[in-house]
N, C-alpha and C. Protein backbone atom coordinates (compact mmCIF):
# COMPACT_ATOMS: atom_id res chain seq x y z
N UNK A 1 -12.69 -11.94 1.56
CA UNK A 1 -11.21 -11.21 2.80
C UNK A 1 -11.19 -12.33 3.76
N UNK A 2 -9.68 -11.92 4.00
CA UNK A 2 -9.16 -13.12 4.55
C UNK A 2 -8.59 -12.93 6.24
N UNK A 3 -9.71 -13.41 7.38
CA UNK A 3 -8.70 -12.50 8.32
C UNK A 3 -7.07 -13.61 9.39
N UNK A 4 -6.65 -12.65 9.05
CA UNK A 4 -5.54 -13.10 9.48
C UNK A 4 -5.22 -12.21 11.36
N UNK A 5 -5.05 -13.30 12.21
CA UNK A 5 -4.98 -12.65 13.23
C UNK A 5 -5.76 -11.49 13.47
N UNK A 6 -6.97 -11.77 13.33
CA UNK A 6 -7.81 -10.21 13.85
C UNK A 6 -7.61 -9.46 12.88
N UNK A 7 -6.69 -9.51 12.07
CA UNK A 7 -7.12 -8.44 10.95
C UNK A 7 -7.74 -8.51 9.35
N UNK A 8 -7.99 -8.12 8.58
CA UNK A 8 -8.33 -8.36 7.25
C UNK A 8 -6.91 -8.65 6.40
N UNK A 9 -6.54 -8.97 6.02
CA UNK A 9 -5.62 -9.22 4.78
C UNK A 9 -6.11 -8.77 3.71
N UNK A 10 -6.90 -8.50 3.00
CA UNK A 10 -7.33 -8.09 1.83
C UNK A 10 -8.08 -6.81 2.36
N UNK A 11 -7.63 -5.47 1.81
CA UNK A 11 -8.33 -3.99 1.82
C UNK A 11 -8.58 -4.06 0.35
N UNK A 12 -10.44 -3.23 0.39
CA UNK A 12 -10.65 -2.08 -0.53
C UNK A 12 -9.47 -1.00 -0.56
N UNK A 13 -10.29 -0.50 -1.88
CA UNK A 13 -8.90 1.29 -1.96
C UNK A 13 -9.51 2.00 -1.55
N UNK A 14 -10.41 2.21 -0.87
CA UNK A 14 -11.01 3.15 0.03
C UNK A 14 -10.16 3.13 1.58
N UNK A 15 -10.12 1.85 2.21
CA UNK A 15 -9.19 1.33 3.00
C UNK A 15 -7.65 1.58 2.69
N UNK A 16 -7.25 1.67 1.42
CA UNK A 16 -5.79 1.12 1.20
C UNK A 16 -5.66 2.99 1.25
N UNK A 17 -6.37 3.59 0.69
CA UNK A 17 -6.10 4.93 0.44
C UNK A 17 -5.82 5.72 2.35
N UNK A 18 -6.70 5.10 2.74
CA UNK A 18 -6.89 5.48 4.14
C UNK A 18 -5.39 4.91 5.14
N UNK A 19 -4.72 4.07 4.73
CA UNK A 19 -3.65 2.83 5.48
C UNK A 19 -2.54 3.45 4.74
N UNK A 20 -2.40 4.02 3.71
CA UNK A 20 -1.02 4.61 3.20
C UNK A 20 -1.47 6.04 3.32
N UNK A 21 -2.37 6.82 3.84
CA UNK A 21 -2.01 8.22 3.35
C UNK A 21 -2.17 9.13 2.10
N UNK A 22 -2.70 7.74 1.50
CA UNK A 22 -2.58 8.61 -0.07
C UNK A 22 -4.04 8.88 -0.32
N UNK A 23 -4.64 9.97 -1.76
CA UNK A 23 -6.15 9.84 -1.31
C UNK A 23 -6.53 8.74 -2.70
N UNK A 24 -7.62 8.25 -2.80
CA UNK A 24 -7.88 7.53 -3.29
C UNK A 24 -7.72 7.71 -4.75
N UNK A 25 -7.76 8.75 -5.19
CA UNK A 25 -7.68 9.06 -6.57
C UNK A 25 -5.79 9.04 -7.18
N UNK A 26 -5.19 8.98 -5.71
CA UNK A 26 -4.21 9.32 -5.97
C UNK A 26 -3.92 7.32 -6.06
N UNK A 27 -4.04 6.81 -5.22
CA UNK A 27 -4.14 5.38 -5.23
C UNK A 27 -4.44 4.38 -6.61
N UNK A 28 -5.80 4.95 -7.21
CA UNK A 28 -6.13 4.67 -8.51
C UNK A 28 -5.00 4.91 -9.65
N UNK A 29 -4.42 5.92 -9.47
CA UNK A 29 -3.58 6.40 -10.75
C UNK A 29 -2.07 5.62 -10.38
N UNK A 30 -1.87 5.09 -8.94
CA UNK A 30 -0.62 4.36 -9.07
C UNK A 30 -1.23 2.81 -9.23
N UNK A 31 -2.30 2.52 -9.04
CA UNK A 31 -2.70 1.16 -10.02
C UNK A 31 -2.86 1.02 -11.00
N UNK A 32 -3.41 2.18 -11.96
CA UNK A 32 -2.75 1.74 -13.27
C UNK A 32 -1.64 2.15 -13.85
N UNK A 33 -0.86 2.86 -13.16
CA UNK A 33 0.79 2.58 -13.65
C UNK A 33 1.60 1.25 -13.37
N UNK A 34 0.99 0.75 -12.16
CA UNK A 34 1.26 -1.19 -11.48
C UNK A 34 2.63 -0.21 -10.73
N UNK A 35 2.45 0.86 -9.59
CA UNK A 35 3.22 1.66 -9.30
C UNK A 35 3.43 1.15 -7.46
N UNK A 36 1.76 0.75 -7.30
CA UNK A 36 1.68 -0.28 -6.22
C UNK A 36 1.72 -1.60 -6.20
N UNK A 37 1.64 -2.46 -5.24
CA UNK A 37 0.82 -3.95 -5.31
C UNK A 37 -0.78 -4.08 -5.10
N UNK A 38 -0.81 -4.60 -6.23
CA UNK A 38 -2.66 -4.99 -6.10
C UNK A 38 -2.99 -5.93 -6.04
N UNK A 39 -4.37 -6.44 -5.95
CA UNK A 39 -4.74 -7.74 -6.20
C UNK A 39 -5.89 -8.30 -6.54
N UNK A 40 -6.05 -8.18 -7.90
CA UNK A 40 -7.23 -8.33 -9.01
C UNK A 40 -8.27 -9.56 -8.53
N UNK A 41 -9.41 -9.26 -7.92
CA UNK A 41 -10.29 -10.69 -7.13
C UNK A 41 -11.68 -10.06 -8.27
N UNK A 42 -11.44 -10.90 -9.30
CA UNK A 42 -12.65 -10.18 -10.35
C UNK A 42 -11.92 -8.79 -10.83
N UNK A 43 -13.10 -8.19 -11.03
CA UNK A 43 -13.29 -6.98 -11.27
C UNK A 43 -12.83 -5.85 -9.94
N UNK A 44 -12.67 -6.68 -8.81
CA UNK A 44 -12.20 -5.68 -8.02
C UNK A 44 -10.96 -5.71 -7.20
N UNK A 45 -10.11 -4.37 -7.43
CA UNK A 45 -8.60 -4.15 -7.39
C UNK A 45 -9.10 -4.22 -5.38
N UNK A 46 -8.10 -4.87 -4.90
CA UNK A 46 -7.88 -4.89 -3.53
C UNK A 46 -6.79 -5.18 -3.32
N UNK A 47 -5.93 -5.00 -2.25
CA UNK A 47 -4.48 -4.82 -1.57
C UNK A 47 -4.40 -5.66 -0.45
N UNK A 48 -3.26 -6.56 -0.58
CA UNK A 48 -2.88 -7.09 1.21
C UNK A 48 -2.12 -6.06 1.67
N UNK A 49 -2.47 -6.59 2.77
CA UNK A 49 -2.25 -5.28 4.14
C UNK A 49 -0.48 -5.71 4.12
N UNK A 50 -0.21 -6.88 3.96
CA UNK A 50 1.28 -7.28 4.16
C UNK A 50 1.75 -7.02 2.76
N UNK A 51 1.50 -6.73 2.20
CA UNK A 51 2.89 -6.28 0.30
C UNK A 51 2.76 -5.02 0.94
N UNK A 52 1.58 -4.21 1.74
CA UNK A 52 1.11 -2.66 1.43
C UNK A 52 2.52 -2.47 2.07
N UNK A 53 2.99 -3.20 3.86
CA UNK A 53 3.65 -2.88 4.32
C UNK A 53 4.75 -2.96 4.16
N UNK A 54 5.19 -3.95 3.23
CA UNK A 54 6.82 -4.29 2.36
C UNK A 54 6.94 -3.14 1.59
N UNK A 55 5.98 -2.90 0.51
CA UNK A 55 5.68 -1.81 -0.43
C UNK A 55 6.53 0.17 0.22
N UNK A 56 5.86 0.12 1.49
CA UNK A 56 5.70 1.07 2.25
C UNK A 56 7.78 1.48 2.60
N UNK A 57 8.05 0.07 3.33
CA UNK A 57 9.19 -0.23 3.67
C UNK A 57 10.40 0.42 2.38
N UNK A 58 10.28 -0.51 1.58
CA UNK A 58 11.22 -0.12 0.26
C UNK A 58 10.73 0.84 -0.26
N UNK A 59 10.20 1.58 -0.22
CA UNK A 59 9.84 2.99 -0.86
C UNK A 59 10.36 4.15 0.47
N UNK A 60 10.95 3.74 1.51
CA UNK A 60 11.10 4.64 2.51
C UNK A 60 12.69 5.08 2.00
N UNK A 61 12.68 6.74 2.43
CA UNK A 61 13.90 7.11 2.42
C UNK A 61 14.45 7.15 3.37
N UNK A 62 15.14 6.77 3.48
CA UNK A 62 16.24 7.02 5.45
C UNK A 62 17.01 8.17 5.38
N UNK A 63 17.14 8.97 6.14
CA UNK A 63 18.14 10.28 6.38
C UNK A 63 19.23 10.02 6.00
N UNK A 64 19.73 11.13 5.46
CA UNK A 64 21.49 11.01 5.23
C UNK A 64 21.99 11.66 6.68
N UNK A 65 23.06 10.91 6.72
CA UNK A 65 23.89 10.69 8.11
C UNK A 65 24.41 12.04 8.11
N UNK A 66 24.73 13.12 9.43
CA UNK A 66 24.71 13.87 9.47
C UNK A 66 26.55 14.06 9.15
N UNK A 67 26.90 14.97 8.78
CA UNK A 67 28.24 14.90 8.65
C UNK A 67 28.75 16.20 9.73
N UNK A 68 29.68 15.67 10.41
CA UNK A 68 31.05 16.33 11.52
C UNK A 68 31.69 17.32 10.94
N UNK A 69 32.00 18.62 11.10
CA UNK A 69 33.02 19.60 10.79
C UNK A 69 34.13 19.44 11.34
């Protein structure tokens, strides 16, 4: 793991689940479906925090503007 500004850049599956608010099971399922960005380190699955932040922003659904009557 590499520290950038005091923050670990690569985190494990449990930390990624906590960071995203998803269950560990859901994160594993999303990895197997390639629906979430991840890094393979040998047989380990790691997550780049910057890529998770980008992924969260890309998957954010903004509210519709209110219609005026």
